[in-house]
């Protein structure tokens, strides 16, 4: 860079070294930004044990590099200004201990124990970025003398280069206090390298350009000494933190062991008779909430002879319990294991205590039996440990490398984490404690921050003194001129005050009241004589008056010529010292001699009261709505589960019955079951509509088969009203569509139900047509017309305005047609379709639905017109049913046995895997919701060893997240509950025929 000292406006020529390091910082920042966007931890964090470079840090490095390269352009101040803003706000967040939202403004990041403040860069990183942006802004501007530029830039560069070097040395020598200051975000390794590149680029871009400049060695020496003192303070604080953690670890381990050993000793002291039945029970033990059950077993029969509480007595002995009995019988010492309670799914410690005949612990003393104690791990730690332990820690309990308790659910540890092994009931457990944000804030001090601040101000003090002196003289000259510009027009002010309904208070630039309106007298309780000539602080609370004084002093000192004219909510103070809310608008009035401010004041007490009541009512409404939705969904599924079983049994009865009368009754029962299930689904779907949780699940379907079965279901009820149902197709209609069969059926069914409600002794026509397009995505046109009573034109225009009107569920339950049409409308919207209606009052209505669907080239067999289901024969096939529900197990097994196949049933994924290791099957039907090892994971494990075996998923509900992509999860097909017998036989036939496709 070849410019002279007096040519501050000349262009700056960047050296090759400066450009190289600037480009390196840009590249590094961009790579890390891409790492965040594509979630590549190896880029953002380098290693799981290291601190990450945050998004804002990477962004600032790139912006600073571009800012250095573009220093000679007019817009060059924009990028360093943005870096200045980000780093300054970050520092303010540390100082004020308040989140201003800049950390995750550009990209949301998850928190962990290595970074307790998600997305927030290290304070030393923010300081380096702030100083870098200041240097670029200084040399991009011509407003400052060259001496000030050099002084500030040399001082800032010293910090920019020294702080990351100190951090890197800390990584090399494992001195974490150099890069991780208390709970603040650590400076990452690649962050330190990027900042060093920026510092070198600045050093060889701007400072070395002035050959006549002299380094401020005295400032560097002072700064170096103070930085060393700061590091000592940080080290002492970190040492204090680790000492406190060791103390907490000892306390936690001692409390756990003492509490458990004490209670087990109480249990061991309970006396029992020769049959091992307790003769005295300790109330203290019975009232211990984390001891969920105590059982006494006889040594001779190994049976449960007594249990507390008695309602939980169980005689069944698991293999694990028998193994523990054998171990205790050999050693005559207590033993323990970890189990999962079957009903509650809670983790418990199972402790086996030997009961000796004479109560002696010698090996010769015979056993009477065993005492089995069930300890709920979660309750034990919550009630006995955490009540007496610091809540500023993350506590985890591990056993055999498995986590059994975590009071904060945080997964990662940091360099402050401590681990200790303890013996609990004969087993080794690991306790890991990690300090959280509250722990650090409770133990740390401001000393390191003050030491660092002292080092910073020691280097900048001389530069700021000269600059501030220059600015102070300039501002003083401007202030002396402003005092002569204003004058007061008292008559005008009084006239304004008397003709406005709100209170008017006029003050001068010294906050002295000059005028007080009649409305102000009634509002504040003062008369004009009492208040005029006194300070306006009498009309406001103490805190507000102090802030007002500072504002006025700053206003007068800086000679501002404008004032905010927007309304602002504040607090007023009456003569009786009562505070009340006000809204004030401040207007500045300038005259030749005075500067006045007119305050227009309004009492907003009633307005705020109304707003509070409105917010309260809104919260109550939202709570009621949420409770109602949960209740409807819960009750709907509680009714739907047994109805699924009833519907399956009815299908079996219909298939097996030979009596015409019985078949007729069963058909009516099946129709009633379908109708009830349809009503339940409508109510649940409406609740999902309100919560915006309804979704579409597409598959290749036969529309003709779907509508044919719908007509079979609806014809009996239509005949009861002497209504003729007809279904026709256009000549160009071909079957095979990618659509949601359940939602398509609901749309047509609800439109038919709606027409039946208003049609008597008439007919309902359903017509299906295709609207062709150039692509394979065609539009399906469904029209449902009736000869009912029709609607008035006003009703037609407002028919589909339900959601916008905010109508509640109770309204729709009272008017079934509204509920039917609302569900239809929502289904169609989810499919990107449209619905319209035409109606003539007294003649009938016609509903027209347009659905854009994808046409699939798939041939479907002709529709069977009979209603009876003929079971296929699979005499030589073996079918494995994996189902945990007892009732469903019986019903589905009966459906499968009707095919003459050999049907085997297991209740869990583990049993299924064990079965397949022993026997071969031709097909598997498996529920996706199995206990422990679910159906999806079981299918994955089967596919690892057998990619050909057909597996059919049985879905409890239409759950989009887990089974909608069943083919990608390894299933060949899927069937929903309630199971349609004909669909089950159809799937079995497709999967068991020789041409069945292999699953690759």
Foldseek 3Di string as FASTA:
>chain_A
DADAQVCLLDAFDFDPLLLVLLVVLLVLLVQLLVCQVVVPCCSQAVDPQGFGQFNLLSQLSNLLSVLLVCLNDLCSLVSLVVLLVLLVVLLVCVVVVDDPPSQDPPHFADDFLLQQPHSRAFNLLSLLSNLSSVLSNVSSDPPDRSVLSLLSNLLSLLSLLPLLVQLVVCVVVVPQLSQCQQNGNGQGNVSSVSSNSSSVSSCRGPNVNHVPDDRPVVLSVLLVVLVVVLSVVSSVLVVVLLVVVVVQVVQLQVLLQVVQVVLVVQVLPFDADLLQHGPDDDVVNLPPVQFPKKFWAFPPVRFTPDMVVRVPHDGDDDPVNVVLQVVCQVQVAKAWDWDQDPPPRFIWIKIKHWAFPVSDSDNPTHTRTIMIITGGPASCCVPRRPVPHDPQKWKWKDFPNDTRDTPVPRDDAHPSKDKDWDARNNGIMIIIIHGHPVSSVVRDDCVSVVSNVVSSCSSCVVSCVVVVVVVQVVQVVVLVVLQQAFDDDVVVQQVVQAPDQFWKWKAFLQQATQDTHPNNCVVQVDDCVRRHRDHPCQFADPVVSVVVNVVSVVCSSRVDDADAQDKDKGWTAHPVRDIAIKIWGWGWDGHRRTIMIMIGIDGCRVVVVVVVVVVVVVVVVVVVLVVVLVVLLVVLLVVQVVLLLVLLVLLLCLQPDPDPVVNVVSLVVNLVSVVVNLVSVLSNLVSCVVVVNDAWFWDKDWPVQLVLVVCVSCVVVCVVQLEAEEEEEDPPDDTIFTGRSVLVSLLVNLVVVLQSVFDGNWYKYWYWYWADDPDQFTKIKIKIKIFGQWDDPVCQVCLACVVVVVDDPVVCVVPVNSSSVNSNQVSLVNQVKDKHKDTDGGGIIMIMIIGGTGGDPDDDDDHDNDDHADFAADQPFEEEEAAQDPSVQVSVVSLVVSNNHHYHYDHALVVVVVVVVPDDGQEYEYEQCGPPQGPLNSLVVVCVPDQFRAYEYEYADPDPPPCSVVLVSRHPYYAYTSGDSNVVSVVVVQCRDPPRDTGD
